[in-house]
């Protein structure tokens, strides 16, 4: 059996000077525009370079192929989600269920605001989803949620907390993706978030009592 080759998706080098950092930022902004306007099927390094106003050779200094550019956009989105989780779930000034409610509201708003880009990146996922870098980047939020579940369900067995955390996080992401595919008014988002938060709270409450 022949081993399946995985397309390299890591940046060739990291920018170290202000000029290089600015160039990468320009390339990524151009990539966002090309992805939004052309979609994944017409997304090419040549189009990104043209939109950025740079030569393809300059682009290749940092990104070996279009998969690397798309993965960088996706990785940045995953990083933003992890930061959102950290900022809300680690804020011990609020009780756990209050933090969870805040997260549901913030997450659904974010999903709706960036729905077009998320759909496009999801279409691009086959280009990089099996790469080790992608698996590592996707797991950034897992530890944050795991620590939160320990605090939310201090007396529950580890297996119960693990199952609850996976169920809540998977449900939030899946529902958020589906819900954001239709344009939503702020009032709709708030109402939906409140209902989800109530459901999550009741679930955790039952586990805590059990």
C-alpha atoms as a PDB file:
ATOM      1  CA  UNK A   1       0.000   0.000   0.000  1.00  0.00           C
ATOM      2  CA  UNK A   2       1.305   3.448  -0.875  1.00  0.00           C
ATOM      3  CA  UNK A   3       1.333   6.001   1.913  1.00  0.00           C
ATOM      4  CA  UNK A   4      -0.881   8.988   1.217  1.00  0.00           C
ATOM      5  CA  UNK A   5       1.140  12.170   1.001  1.00  0.00           C
ATOM      6  CA  UNK A   6      -0.063  15.105   3.045  1.00  0.00           C
ATOM      7  CA  UNK A   7       0.303  18.557   1.538  1.00  0.00           C
ATOM      8  CA  UNK A   8       2.601  20.746   3.656  1.00  0.00           C
ATOM      9  CA  UNK A   9       0.581  23.452   5.362  1.00  0.00           C
ATOM     10  CA  UNK A  10       3.105  25.107   7.670  1.00  0.00           C
ATOM     11  CA  UNK A  11       4.458  28.544   6.850  1.00  0.00           C
ATOM     12  CA  UNK A  12       7.916  28.370   5.317  1.00  0.00           C
ATOM     13  CA  UNK A  13       9.205  30.996   7.735  1.00  0.00           C
ATOM     14  CA  UNK A  14       7.885  33.391  10.338  1.00  0.00           C
ATOM     15  CA  UNK A  15       8.237  37.147   9.750  1.00  0.00           C
ATOM     16  CA  UNK A  16      10.883  38.656  12.025  1.00  0.00           C
ATOM     17  CA  UNK A  17      10.909  42.281  10.952  1.00  0.00           C
ATOM     18  CA  UNK A  18       8.118  44.846  10.842  1.00  0.00           C
ATOM     19  CA  UNK A  19       8.223  44.936   7.051  1.00  0.00           C
ATOM     20  CA  UNK A  20       7.887  41.155   6.801  1.00  0.00           C
ATOM     21  CA  UNK A  21       5.083  41.100   9.359  1.00  0.00           C
ATOM     22  CA  UNK A  22       3.237  43.748   7.362  1.00  0.00           C
ATOM     23  CA  UNK A  23       3.702  41.759   4.151  1.00  0.00           C
ATOM     24  CA  UNK A  24       2.218  38.612   5.705  1.00  0.00           C
ATOM     25  CA  UNK A  25      -0.698  40.659   7.063  1.00  0.00           C
ATOM     26  CA  UNK A  26      -1.344  42.093   3.573  1.00  0.00           C
ATOM     27  CA  UNK A  27      -1.245  38.598   2.048  1.00  0.00           C
ATOM     28  CA  UNK A  28      -3.684  37.230   4.614  1.00  0.00           C
ATOM     29  CA  UNK A  29      -6.081  40.138   4.180  1.00  0.00           C
ATOM     30  CA  UNK A  30      -5.968  39.612   0.424  1.00  0.00           C
ATOM     31  CA  UNK A  31      -6.601  35.900   0.974  1.00  0.00           C
ATOM     32  CA  UNK A  32      -9.730  36.708   2.980  1.00  0.00           C
ATOM     33  CA  UNK A  33     -11.019  38.899   0.154  1.00  0.00           C
ATOM     34  CA  UNK A  34     -10.265  36.334  -2.563  1.00  0.00           C
ATOM     35  CA  UNK A  35     -11.889  33.574  -0.533  1.00  0.00           C
ATOM     36  CA  UNK A  36     -15.004  35.678   0.038  1.00  0.00           C
ATOM     37  CA  UNK A  37     -15.263  36.778  -3.595  1.00  0.00           C
ATOM     38  CA  UNK A  38     -14.099  33.694  -5.478  1.00  0.00           C
ATOM     39  CA  UNK A  39     -14.745  30.777  -3.131  1.00  0.00           C
ATOM     40  CA  UNK A  40     -12.438  27.848  -2.499  1.00  0.00           C
ATOM     41  CA  UNK A  41     -12.533  26.415  -6.008  1.00  0.00           C
ATOM     42  CA  UNK A  42     -11.148  29.584  -7.589  1.00  0.00           C
ATOM     43  CA  UNK A  43      -8.804  30.369  -4.702  1.00  0.00           C
ATOM     44  CA  UNK A  44      -5.200  30.353  -5.964  1.00  0.00           C
ATOM     45  CA  UNK A  45      -1.879  31.764  -4.816  1.00  0.00           C
ATOM     46  CA  UNK A  46      -1.742  33.824  -8.014  1.00  0.00           C
ATOM     47  CA  UNK A  47      -5.066  35.501  -7.265  1.00  0.00           C
ATOM     48  CA  UNK A  48      -4.008  36.188  -3.678  1.00  0.00           C
ATOM     49  CA  UNK A  49      -0.711  37.693  -4.795  1.00  0.00           C
ATOM     50  CA  UNK A  50      -2.480  39.862  -7.353  1.00  0.00           C
ATOM     51  CA  UNK A  51      -5.024  41.079  -4.789  1.00  0.00           C
ATOM     52  CA  UNK A  52      -2.206  41.803  -2.315  1.00  0.00           C
ATOM     53  CA  UNK A  53      -0.208  43.696  -4.934  1.00  0.00           C
ATOM     54  CA  UNK A  54       2.875  41.509  -4.487  1.00  0.00           C
ATOM     55  CA  UNK A  55       4.730  39.021  -6.629  1.00  0.00           C
ATOM     56  CA  UNK A  56       3.968  35.324  -6.301  1.00  0.00           C
ATOM     57  CA  UNK A  57       7.603  34.817  -5.327  1.00  0.00           C
ATOM     58  CA  UNK A  58       7.138  37.086  -2.313  1.00  0.00           C
ATOM     59  CA  UNK A  59       4.097  35.076  -1.266  1.00  0.00           C
ATOM     60  CA  UNK A  60       6.000  31.800  -1.601  1.00  0.00           C
ATOM     61  CA  UNK A  61       8.634  33.061   0.821  1.00  0.00           C
ATOM     62  CA  UNK A  62       6.074  32.487   3.575  1.00  0.00           C
ATOM     63  CA  UNK A  63       3.418  30.131   2.199  1.00  0.00           C
ATOM     64  CA  UNK A  64       4.384  27.071   0.083  1.00  0.00           C
ATOM     65  CA  UNK A  65       0.915  26.644  -1.414  1.00  0.00           C
ATOM     66  CA  UNK A  66      -2.721  27.705  -1.162  1.00  0.00           C
ATOM     67  CA  UNK A  67      -3.419  25.065   1.499  1.00  0.00           C
ATOM     68  CA  UNK A  68      -0.896  26.768   3.787  1.00  0.00           C
ATOM     69  CA  UNK A  69      -2.651  30.118   3.355  1.00  0.00           C
ATOM     70  CA  UNK A  70      -6.077  28.634   4.026  1.00  0.00           C
ATOM     71  CA  UNK A  71      -4.787  26.738   7.036  1.00  0.00           C
ATOM     72  CA  UNK A  72      -3.301  29.937   8.445  1.00  0.00           C
ATOM     73  CA  UNK A  73      -6.709  31.624   8.130  1.00  0.00           C
ATOM     74  CA  UNK A  74      -8.389  28.637   9.778  1.00  0.00           C
ATOM     75  CA  UNK A  75      -5.725  28.439  12.483  1.00  0.00           C
ATOM     76  CA  UNK A  76      -6.210  32.111  13.286  1.00  0.00           C
ATOM     77  CA  UNK A  77      -9.954  31.472  13.606  1.00  0.00           C
ATOM     78  CA  UNK A  78      -9.337  28.535  15.944  1.00  0.00           C
ATOM     79  CA  UNK A  79      -6.965  30.692  17.997  1.00  0.00           C
ATOM     80  CA  UNK A  80      -9.604  33.413  18.319  1.00  0.00           C
ATOM     81  CA  UNK A  81     -12.112  30.810  19.516  1.00  0.00           C
ATOM     82  CA  UNK A  82      -9.638  29.503  22.097  1.00  0.00           C
ATOM     83  CA  UNK A  83      -9.050  33.050  23.336  1.00  0.00           C
ATOM     84  CA  UNK A  84     -12.802  33.560  23.596  1.00  0.00           C
ATOM     85  CA  UNK A  85     -13.097  30.409  25.687  1.00  0.00           C
ATOM     86  CA  UNK A  86     -10.211  31.446  27.920  1.00  0.00           C
ATOM     87  CA  UNK A  87     -11.399  35.002  28.475  1.00  0.00           C
ATOM     88  CA  UNK A  88     -14.902  33.913  29.488  1.00  0.00           C
ATOM     89  CA  UNK A  89     -14.520  30.515  31.123  1.00  0.00           C
ATOM     90  CA  UNK A  90     -11.495  31.489  33.234  1.00  0.00           C
ATOM     91  CA  UNK A  91     -13.137  34.654  34.579  1.00  0.00           C
ATOM     92  CA  UNK A  92     -13.682  33.498  38.160  1.00  0.00           C
ATOM     93  CA  UNK A  93     -15.524  36.695  39.075  1.00  0.00           C
ATOM     94  CA  UNK A  94     -18.655  34.959  37.756  1.00  0.00           C
ATOM     95  CA  UNK A  95     -20.090  31.592  38.849  1.00  0.00           C
ATOM     96  CA  UNK A  96     -19.563  28.723  36.371  1.00  0.00           C
ATOM     97  CA  UNK A  97     -23.100  28.726  34.971  1.00  0.00           C
ATOM     98  CA  UNK A  98     -22.948  32.492  34.499  1.00  0.00           C
ATOM     99  CA  UNK A  99     -19.726  32.097  32.532  1.00  0.00           C
ATOM    100  CA  UNK A 100     -21.253  29.350  30.418  1.00  0.00           C
ATOM    101  CA  UNK A 101     -24.224  31.588  29.594  1.00  0.00           C
ATOM    102  CA  UNK A 102     -21.877  34.407  28.587  1.00  0.00           C
ATOM    103  CA  UNK A 103     -19.923  32.004  26.383  1.00  0.00           C
ATOM    104  CA  UNK A 104     -23.027  30.782  24.576  1.00  0.00           C
ATOM    105  CA  UNK A 105     -24.059  34.367  23.775  1.00  0.00           C
ATOM    106  CA  UNK A 106     -20.578  35.414  22.651  1.00  0.00           C
ATOM    107  CA  UNK A 107     -20.021  32.259  20.601  1.00  0.00           C
ATOM    108  CA  UNK A 108     -23.308  32.469  18.704  1.00  0.00           C
ATOM    109  CA  UNK A 109     -22.753  36.164  17.953  1.00  0.00           C
ATOM    110  CA  UNK A 110     -19.285  35.379  16.648  1.00  0.00           C
ATOM    111  CA  UNK A 111     -20.570  32.532  14.493  1.00  0.00           C
ATOM    112  CA  UNK A 112     -23.230  34.759  12.917  1.00  0.00           C
ATOM    113  CA  UNK A 113     -20.886  37.696  12.348  1.00  0.00           C
ATOM    114  CA  UNK A 114     -18.309  35.547  10.556  1.00  0.00           C
ATOM    115  CA  UNK A 115     -20.629  33.008   8.942  1.00  0.00           C
ATOM    116  CA  UNK A 116     -19.505  33.564   5.347  1.00  0.00           C
ATOM    117  CA  UNK A 117     -15.834  33.118   6.171  1.00  0.00           C
ATOM    118  CA  UNK A 118     -16.482  30.063   8.327  1.00  0.00           C
ATOM    119  CA  UNK A 119     -18.469  28.388   5.536  1.00  0.00           C
ATOM    120  CA  UNK A 120     -15.675  29.064   3.049  1.00  0.00           C
ATOM    121  CA  UNK A 121     -13.029  27.707   5.429  1.00  0.00           C
ATOM    122  CA  UNK A 122     -15.141  24.641   6.060  1.00  0.00           C
ATOM    123  CA  UNK A 123     -15.236  24.026   2.306  1.00  0.00           C
ATOM    124  CA  UNK A 124     -11.435  24.292   2.285  1.00  0.00           C
ATOM    125  CA  UNK A 125     -10.977  21.857   5.179  1.00  0.00           C
ATOM    126  CA  UNK A 126     -10.184  18.802   2.987  1.00  0.00           C
ATOM    127  CA  UNK A 127      -6.954  20.524   1.968  1.00  0.00           C
ATOM    128  CA  UNK A 128      -5.521  20.430   5.488  1.00  0.00           C
ATOM    129  CA  UNK A 129      -7.778  18.650   7.976  1.00  0.00           C
ATOM    130  CA  UNK A 130      -5.670  15.452   8.129  1.00  0.00           C
ATOM    131  CA  UNK A 131      -2.366  17.234   8.725  1.00  0.00           C
ATOM    132  CA  UNK A 132      -0.816  16.978  12.220  1.00  0.00           C
ATOM    133  CA  UNK A 133      -0.736  20.775  12.475  1.00  0.00           C
ATOM    134  CA  UNK A 134      -4.498  20.918  11.997  1.00  0.00           C
ATOM    135  CA  UNK A 135      -5.155  18.287  14.638  1.00  0.00           C
ATOM    136  CA  UNK A 136      -2.985  20.170  17.110  1.00  0.00           C
ATOM    137  CA  UNK A 137      -4.616  23.538  16.350  1.00  0.00           C
ATOM    138  CA  UNK A 138      -8.128  22.125  16.734  1.00  0.00           C
ATOM    139  CA  UNK A 139      -7.343  20.898  20.235  1.00  0.00           C
ATOM    140  CA  UNK A 140      -6.429  24.319  21.657  1.00  0.00           C
ATOM    141  CA  UNK A 141      -9.773  24.845  23.325  1.00  0.00           C
ATOM    142  CA  UNK A 142     -10.102  21.332  24.745  1.00  0.00           C
ATOM    143  CA  UNK A 143      -7.970  21.935  27.819  1.00  0.00           C
ATOM    144  CA  UNK A 144      -9.768  25.171  28.633  1.00  0.00           C
ATOM    145  CA  UNK A 145     -13.147  23.478  28.539  1.00  0.00           C
ATOM    146  CA  UNK A 146     -11.835  20.517  30.526  1.00  0.00           C
ATOM    147  CA  UNK A 147     -10.621  22.805  33.342  1.00  0.00           C
ATOM    148  CA  UNK A 148     -13.947  24.607  33.359  1.00  0.00           C
ATOM    149  CA  UNK A 149     -15.860  21.347  33.722  1.00  0.00           C
ATOM    150  CA  UNK A 150     -13.722  20.433  36.736  1.00  0.00           C
ATOM    151  CA  UNK A 151     -14.824  23.666  38.377  1.00  0.00           C
ATOM    152  CA  UNK A 152     -18.464  23.384  37.271  1.00  0.00           C
ATOM    153  CA  UNK A 153     -18.834  19.766  38.432  1.00  0.00           C
ATOM    154  CA  UNK A 154     -16.323  19.388  41.272  1.00  0.00           C
ATOM    155  CA  UNK A 155     -17.975  16.277  42.766  1.00  0.00           C
ATOM    156  CA  UNK A 156     -18.703  14.441  39.534  1.00  0.00           C
ATOM    157  CA  UNK A 157     -16.520  11.527  38.374  1.00  0.00           C
ATOM    158  CA  UNK A 158     -13.883  12.340  35.753  1.00  0.00           C
ATOM    159  CA  UNK A 159     -15.719  10.278  33.141  1.00  0.00           C
ATOM    160  CA  UNK A 160     -18.908  12.264  33.727  1.00  0.00           C
ATOM    161  CA  UNK A 161     -17.108  15.598  33.432  1.00  0.00           C
ATOM    162  CA  UNK A 162     -15.337  14.489  30.267  1.00  0.00           C
ATOM    163  CA  UNK A 163     -18.566  13.337  28.644  1.00  0.00           C
ATOM    164  CA  UNK A 164     -20.402  16.509  29.681  1.00  0.00           C
ATOM    165  CA  UNK A 165     -17.634  18.753  28.370  1.00  0.00           C
ATOM    166  CA  UNK A 166     -17.479  16.968  25.031  1.00  0.00           C
ATOM    167  CA  UNK A 167     -21.261  17.043  24.699  1.00  0.00           C
ATOM    168  CA  UNK A 168     -21.567  20.750  25.491  1.00  0.00           C
ATOM    169  CA  UNK A 169     -18.657  21.834  23.296  1.00  0.00           C
ATOM    170  CA  UNK A 170     -19.716  19.665  20.352  1.00  0.00           C
ATOM    171  CA  UNK A 171     -23.325  20.830  20.636  1.00  0.00           C
ATOM    172  CA  UNK A 172     -22.312  24.480  20.809  1.00  0.00           C
ATOM    173  CA  UNK A 173     -20.123  24.248  17.725  1.00  0.00           C
ATOM    174  CA  UNK A 174     -22.573  22.165  15.706  1.00  0.00           C
ATOM    175  CA  UNK A 175     -25.608  24.274  16.536  1.00  0.00           C
ATOM    176  CA  UNK A 176     -23.643  27.485  16.065  1.00  0.00           C
ATOM    177  CA  UNK A 177     -22.580  26.402  12.583  1.00  0.00           C
ATOM    178  CA  UNK A 178     -26.121  25.460  11.555  1.00  0.00           C
ATOM    179  CA  UNK A 179     -27.773  28.461  13.197  1.00  0.00           C
ATOM    180  CA  UNK A 180     -25.415  30.953  11.518  1.00  0.00           C
ATOM    181  CA  UNK A 181     -26.130  29.672   8.003  1.00  0.00           C
ATOM    182  CA  UNK A 182     -29.253  31.870   7.983  1.00  0.00           C
ATOM    183  CA  UNK A 183     -28.961  35.656   8.515  1.00  0.00           C
ATOM    184  CA  UNK A 184     -30.094  36.465  12.059  1.00  0.00           C
ATOM    185  CA  UNK A 185     -31.262  39.600  13.847  1.00  0.00           C
ATOM    186  CA  UNK A 186     -29.615  40.425  17.198  1.00  0.00           C
ATOM    187  CA  UNK A 187     -32.856  39.621  19.029  1.00  0.00           C
ATOM    188  CA  UNK A 188     -32.969  36.174  17.407  1.00  0.00           C
ATOM    189  CA  UNK A 189     -29.397  35.458  18.448  1.00  0.00           C
ATOM    190  CA  UNK A 190     -30.060  36.525  22.026  1.00  0.00           C
ATOM    191  CA  UNK A 191     -33.230  34.446  22.290  1.00  0.00           C
ATOM    192  CA  UNK A 192     -31.526  31.368  20.863  1.00  0.00           C
ATOM    193  CA  UNK A 193     -28.516  31.828  23.127  1.00  0.00           C
ATOM    194  CA  UNK A 194     -30.722  32.151  26.197  1.00  0.00           C
ATOM    195  CA  UNK A 195     -32.538  28.938  25.317  1.00  0.00           C
ATOM    196  CA  UNK A 196     -29.270  27.055  24.772  1.00  0.00           C
ATOM    197  CA  UNK A 197     -27.806  28.409  28.011  1.00  0.00           C
ATOM    198  CA  UNK A 198     -30.924  27.313  29.909  1.00  0.00           C
ATOM    199  CA  UNK A 199     -30.632  23.837  28.417  1.00  0.00           C
ATOM    200  CA  UNK A 200     -26.927  23.565  29.257  1.00  0.00           C
ATOM    201  CA  UNK A 201     -27.542  24.871  32.762  1.00  0.00           C
ATOM    202  CA  UNK A 202     -30.294  22.350  33.430  1.00  0.00           C
ATOM    203  CA  UNK A 203     -28.050  19.544  32.172  1.00  0.00           C
ATOM    204  CA  UNK A 204     -25.125  20.530  34.371  1.00  0.00           C
ATOM    205  CA  UNK A 205     -27.458  21.085  37.297  1.00  0.00           C
ATOM    206  CA  UNK A 206     -28.785  17.540  36.998  1.00  0.00           C
ATOM    207  CA  UNK A 207     -25.248  16.146  36.884  1.00  0.00           C
ATOM    208  CA  UNK A 208     -24.273  18.186  39.912  1.00  0.00           C
ATOM    209  CA  UNK A 209     -27.207  16.888  41.919  1.00  0.00           C
ATOM    210  CA  UNK A 210     -26.508  13.366  40.788  1.00  0.00           C
END
